[in-house]
Protein backbone atom coordinates (compact mmCIF):
# COMPACT_ATOMS: atom_id res chain seq x y z
CA MET A 1 -5.45 -3.93 22.66
CA THR A 2 -6.75 -7.41 22.03
CA LEU A 3 -4.94 -10.73 22.00
CA ALA A 4 -5.92 -13.72 19.90
CA ARG A 5 -4.30 -17.15 19.79
CA VAL A 6 -4.03 -19.09 16.54
CA ASP A 7 -2.74 -22.68 16.52
CA SER A 8 -1.43 -24.06 13.26
CA ALA A 9 0.91 -26.76 12.01
CA ASP A 10 3.71 -24.18 12.28
CA GLY A 11 3.12 -23.57 15.98
CA THR A 12 1.25 -21.11 18.14
CA GLU A 13 0.83 -17.54 16.98
CA ILE A 14 -0.45 -14.63 19.02
CA GLU A 15 -2.08 -11.73 17.23
CA LEU A 16 -1.70 -8.38 19.01
CA ALA A 17 -4.24 -5.82 17.79
CA PHE A 18 -3.65 -2.30 19.11
CA ASP A 19 -6.29 0.43 19.04
CA HIS A 20 -3.94 3.40 18.71
CA PRO A 21 -3.89 6.47 16.40
CA MET A 22 -0.13 6.27 15.69
CA GLU A 23 0.29 9.91 14.66
CA SER A 24 3.66 10.68 13.08
CA GLY A 25 3.65 14.42 13.75
CA GLU A 26 3.74 15.08 9.99
CA ARG A 27 -0.01 15.52 9.39
CA ARG A 28 -2.09 18.65 9.81
CA ASP A 29 -5.73 19.00 10.80
CA ALA A 30 -8.43 20.82 8.76
CA LEU A 31 -7.24 24.18 10.14
CA GLY A 32 -3.63 23.52 9.17
CA THR A 33 -2.43 22.92 12.72
CA GLN A 34 0.20 20.22 13.01
CA ILE A 35 -1.07 17.10 14.78
CA PRO A 36 1.50 16.21 17.47
CA PRO A 37 3.26 12.84 17.36
CA TRP A 38 1.63 10.02 19.31
CA TYR A 39 2.75 6.46 18.71
CA LEU A 40 3.66 3.20 20.41
CA THR A 41 7.29 3.16 21.45
CA THR A 42 7.78 -0.15 23.27
CA VAL A 43 6.07 -3.54 23.27
CA ARG A 44 7.21 -6.29 25.66
CA LEU A 45 6.21 -9.96 25.49
CA MET A 46 6.47 -12.11 28.60
CA PHE A 47 5.62 -15.66 29.56
CA GLU A 48 5.39 -16.58 33.24
CA SER A 49 7.29 -13.37 34.17
CA ARG A 50 10.13 -14.20 31.75
CA ILE A 51 10.83 -11.74 28.93
CA LEU A 52 10.41 -13.39 25.52
CA ALA A 53 10.95 -10.23 23.47
CA SER A 54 11.01 -6.48 23.72
CA PHE A 55 10.89 -4.29 20.66
CA SER A 56 10.49 -0.68 19.62
CA LEU A 57 8.03 0.92 17.26
CA ASP A 58 8.07 4.43 15.87
CA ALA A 59 5.90 6.94 14.10
CA ALA A 60 6.26 5.15 10.75
CA VAL A 61 3.92 2.33 11.86
CA SER A 62 0.33 2.66 10.62
CA ARG A 63 -2.73 3.45 12.72
CA ASN A 64 -4.19 0.56 14.76
CA PRO A 65 -1.27 -1.79 14.16
CA VAL A 66 -1.67 -5.55 14.26
CA LEU A 67 1.43 -7.56 15.11
CA THR A 68 1.65 -11.34 14.91
CA VAL A 69 4.30 -13.26 16.82
CA THR A 70 5.12 -16.95 16.72
CA LEU A 71 5.78 -18.37 20.17
CA PRO A 72 8.71 -20.67 20.78
CA ASP A 73 7.90 -24.38 20.99
CA GLY A 74 7.68 -25.97 24.40
CA LEU A 75 6.40 -23.05 26.46
CA GLY A 76 3.78 -25.22 28.10
CA GLU A 77 0.91 -23.83 30.12
CA GLY A 78 1.06 -20.42 31.69
CA ILE A 79 0.32 -16.73 31.40
CA PHE A 80 1.42 -14.83 28.28
CA GLU A 81 1.52 -11.07 28.86
CA VAL A 82 1.93 -8.10 26.54
CA SER A 83 2.75 -4.65 27.84
CA TRP A 84 3.16 -1.45 25.86
CA ARG A 85 4.07 2.21 26.24
CA ASP A 86 3.48 5.13 23.92
CA SER A 87 5.20 8.44 23.23
CA ARG A 88 2.90 10.29 25.65
CA GLY A 89 3.73 7.97 28.54
CA ASN A 90 0.50 5.95 28.39
CA GLU A 91 0.93 2.29 29.28
CA GLY A 92 -1.19 -0.80 29.06
CA ALA A 93 -1.05 -4.56 29.41
CA ARG A 94 -3.10 -7.60 28.54
CA SER A 95 -2.65 -11.25 29.41
CA LEU A 96 -3.79 -14.55 28.00
CA ARG A 97 -3.68 -17.96 29.67
CA LEU A 98 -1.98 -20.42 27.34
CA GLU A 99 -2.90 -24.07 27.46
CA PRO A 100 -1.69 -26.86 25.19
CA PRO A 101 -3.56 -27.00 21.87
CA ARG A 102 -6.50 -29.39 21.84
CA LYS A 103 -5.96 -32.53 19.83
CA SER A 104 -8.60 -33.22 17.25
CA ASP A 105 -10.11 -36.69 17.17
């Protein structure tokens, strides 16, 4: 998973890009064997150890999903963290240090 910060007039957005196959369990391989389900189930967003959001995904989400979230105004400086879990019990996390946007001259 990668994190990218985008500052705009509308606020700060974080793009979460997951490298995950997101198999629904509906497809079959070349031999006709059903490919077992494997998808992200939970994504949690935190800032300075405070939960901002927690949401669920399911098998209907496409492969390698990219999610964009707009952060609330006034968070200030600190560590933004994303953690995830998938249907096979795999987990991961990434963090990004947030600093105030730079003012252009």
